[in-house]
Each structure stands twice: as structure tokens, then as C-alpha cells.
């Protein structure tokens, strides 16, 4: 398996894991391998969830692989996280 194929597999594995990891519980987060980087994208409703997603990805990615966290925080009015923060 060449490096590109291996990192494409890692991207799929990270995306799957994000949906089941207790810290992230992130459905709808896309992980793809592009230009030597793992790119995370999607939307969450709080910054801590965004950071947890990146942490899970870093734990699963091979050493030295750059991770671009492009996950956006979009506040949903009345969300539980928003109420706790205020």
C-alpha cells in the first residue's frame, strides 16, 4: 500500500471514529486526504467539540501528517452547549 492509499484509509478511519468517540460524537464531519494533509470539515455547535474532533484525528493520524481543522462553529439558538456557556 503506498502512502496516498494508506492516508486515504486513515481519513476513512478517522471519519468513522469521529461518529463513535465519546469526546467527539460528530456526525456529518468529513475527513479527506488531500495534498499530504488530512482535512476536517463540517459544522459543530461549540468550540470545545471542534477541538475534540481535532484531538481524535491527531491521535489516529500517523506522526508527521498535517491536519487542517476546517470545522466551523455555528451556534444554534437554544442549544444545550450555548445555554451552559452563558
C-alpha atoms as a PDB file:
ATOM      1  CA  UNK A   1       0.000   0.000   0.000  1.00  0.00           C
ATOM      2  CA  UNK A   2       1.514   3.350  -0.977  1.00  0.00           C
ATOM      3  CA  UNK A   3       1.446   6.421   1.271  1.00  0.00           C
ATOM      4  CA  UNK A   4      -1.506   8.037  -0.548  1.00  0.00           C
ATOM      5  CA  UNK A   5      -3.626   4.888  -0.273  1.00  0.00           C
ATOM      6  CA  UNK A   6      -2.673   4.482   3.377  1.00  0.00           C
ATOM      7  CA  UNK A   7      -3.623   8.071   4.199  1.00  0.00           C
ATOM      8  CA  UNK A   8      -6.912   7.735   2.303  1.00  0.00           C
ATOM      9  CA  UNK A   9      -7.635   4.720   4.515  1.00  0.00           C
ATOM     10  CA  UNK A  10      -6.649   6.732   7.618  1.00  0.00           C
ATOM     11  CA  UNK A  11      -9.052   9.504   6.554  1.00  0.00           C
ATOM     12  CA  UNK A  12     -11.912   6.988   6.315  1.00  0.00           C
ATOM     13  CA  UNK A  13     -10.987   5.505   9.681  1.00  0.00           C
ATOM     14  CA  UNK A  14     -10.866   8.941  11.356  1.00  0.00           C
ATOM     15  CA  UNK A  15     -14.257   9.879   9.898  1.00  0.00           C
ATOM     16  CA  UNK A  16     -15.795   6.650  11.195  1.00  0.00           C
ATOM     17  CA  UNK A  17     -14.218   7.056  14.621  1.00  0.00           C
ATOM     18  CA  UNK A  18     -15.499  10.633  14.998  1.00  0.00           C
ATOM     19  CA  UNK A  19     -19.065   9.350  14.960  1.00  0.00           C
ATOM     20  CA  UNK A  20     -18.442   6.898  17.818  1.00  0.00           C
ATOM     21  CA  UNK A  21     -15.802   8.544  20.019  1.00  0.00           C
ATOM     22  CA  UNK A  22     -17.373   9.844  23.249  1.00  0.00           C
ATOM     23  CA  UNK A  23     -15.434  13.113  23.059  1.00  0.00           C
ATOM     24  CA  UNK A  24     -16.457  13.989  19.528  1.00  0.00           C
ATOM     25  CA  UNK A  25     -19.810  12.322  18.789  1.00  0.00           C
ATOM     26  CA  UNK A  26     -19.604  14.129  15.480  1.00  0.00           C
ATOM     27  CA  UNK A  27     -21.862  13.012  12.697  1.00  0.00           C
ATOM     28  CA  UNK A  28     -21.530  14.865   9.439  1.00  0.00           C
ATOM     29  CA  UNK A  29     -17.829  15.643   9.791  1.00  0.00           C
ATOM     30  CA  UNK A  30     -15.954  14.957   6.587  1.00  0.00           C
ATOM     31  CA  UNK A  31     -12.341  13.803   6.636  1.00  0.00           C
ATOM     32  CA  UNK A  32     -10.388  13.629   3.422  1.00  0.00           C
ATOM     33  CA  UNK A  33      -6.796  13.249   2.409  1.00  0.00           C
ATOM     34  CA  UNK A  34      -5.595  15.930   0.033  1.00  0.00           C
ATOM     35  CA  UNK A  35      -2.139  17.276  -0.834  1.00  0.00           C
ATOM     36  CA  UNK A  36      -0.448  15.398   2.005  1.00  0.00           C
ATOM     37  CA  UNK A  37      -2.905  16.607   4.651  1.00  0.00           C
ATOM     38  CA  UNK A  38      -5.940  15.301   6.461  1.00  0.00           C
ATOM     39  CA  UNK A  39      -8.666  17.912   6.117  1.00  0.00           C
ATOM     40  CA  UNK A  40     -11.532  18.021   8.610  1.00  0.00           C
ATOM     41  CA  UNK A  41     -14.671  19.868   7.569  1.00  0.00           C
ATOM     42  CA  UNK A  42     -18.257  20.238   8.681  1.00  0.00           C
ATOM     43  CA  UNK A  43     -20.153  22.109  11.371  1.00  0.00           C
ATOM     44  CA  UNK A  44     -20.498  21.805  15.124  1.00  0.00           C
ATOM     45  CA  UNK A  45     -22.250  23.978  17.692  1.00  0.00           C
ATOM     46  CA  UNK A  46     -19.369  24.721  20.085  1.00  0.00           C
ATOM     47  CA  UNK A  47     -15.625  25.312  20.066  1.00  0.00           C
ATOM     48  CA  UNK A  48     -14.880  22.515  22.527  1.00  0.00           C
ATOM     49  CA  UNK A  49     -16.467  19.968  20.179  1.00  0.00           C
ATOM     50  CA  UNK A  50     -14.366  21.364  17.317  1.00  0.00           C
ATOM     51  CA  UNK A  51     -11.215  20.916  19.412  1.00  0.00           C
ATOM     52  CA  UNK A  52     -12.209  17.394  20.465  1.00  0.00           C
ATOM     53  CA  UNK A  53     -12.657  16.437  16.815  1.00  0.00           C
ATOM     54  CA  UNK A  54      -9.158  17.638  16.015  1.00  0.00           C
ATOM     55  CA  UNK A  55      -7.719  15.795  19.021  1.00  0.00           C
ATOM     56  CA  UNK A  56      -9.284  12.492  17.943  1.00  0.00           C
ATOM     57  CA  UNK A  57      -7.928  12.990  14.412  1.00  0.00           C
ATOM     58  CA  UNK A  58      -4.430  13.710  15.748  1.00  0.00           C
ATOM     59  CA  UNK A  59      -4.492  10.554  17.861  1.00  0.00           C
ATOM     60  CA  UNK A  60      -5.334   8.417  14.822  1.00  0.00           C
ATOM     61  CA  UNK A  61      -3.175  10.092  12.185  1.00  0.00           C
ATOM     62  CA  UNK A  62       0.363   8.852  11.558  1.00  0.00           C
ATOM     63  CA  UNK A  63       3.125  11.044  13.030  1.00  0.00           C
ATOM     64  CA  UNK A  64       4.056  13.968  10.834  1.00  0.00           C
ATOM     65  CA  UNK A  65       0.771  14.183   8.933  1.00  0.00           C
ATOM     66  CA  UNK A  66      -0.555  17.734   8.873  1.00  0.00           C
ATOM     67  CA  UNK A  67      -4.175  18.162   9.967  1.00  0.00           C
ATOM     68  CA  UNK A  68      -6.236  21.101   8.743  1.00  0.00           C
ATOM     69  CA  UNK A  69      -9.228  21.696  11.003  1.00  0.00           C
ATOM     70  CA  UNK A  70     -11.796  23.486   8.847  1.00  0.00           C
ATOM     71  CA  UNK A  71     -14.721  22.542  11.056  1.00  0.00           C
ATOM     72  CA  UNK A  72     -16.930  25.595  11.584  1.00  0.00           C
ATOM     73  CA  UNK A  73     -18.661  26.517  14.812  1.00  0.00           C
ATOM     74  CA  UNK A  74     -22.246  27.537  14.129  1.00  0.00           C
ATOM     75  CA  UNK A  75     -24.324  28.474  17.110  1.00  0.00           C
ATOM     76  CA  UNK A  76     -27.775  27.001  17.193  1.00  0.00           C
ATOM     77  CA  UNK A  77     -30.074  29.216  19.206  1.00  0.00           C
ATOM     78  CA  UNK A  78     -31.216  27.440  22.348  1.00  0.00           C
ATOM     79  CA  UNK A  79     -28.688  24.599  22.049  1.00  0.00           C
ATOM     80  CA  UNK A  80     -27.603  22.875  25.259  1.00  0.00           C
ATOM     81  CA  UNK A  81     -23.963  23.922  24.815  1.00  0.00           C
ATOM     82  CA  UNK A  82     -24.985  27.535  24.304  1.00  0.00           C
ATOM     83  CA  UNK A  83     -27.103  27.526  27.460  1.00  0.00           C
ATOM     84  CA  UNK A  84     -24.279  26.037  29.531  1.00  0.00           C
ATOM     85  CA  UNK A  85     -21.753  28.599  28.278  1.00  0.00           C
ATOM     86  CA  UNK A  86     -23.874  31.631  29.141  1.00  0.00           C
END
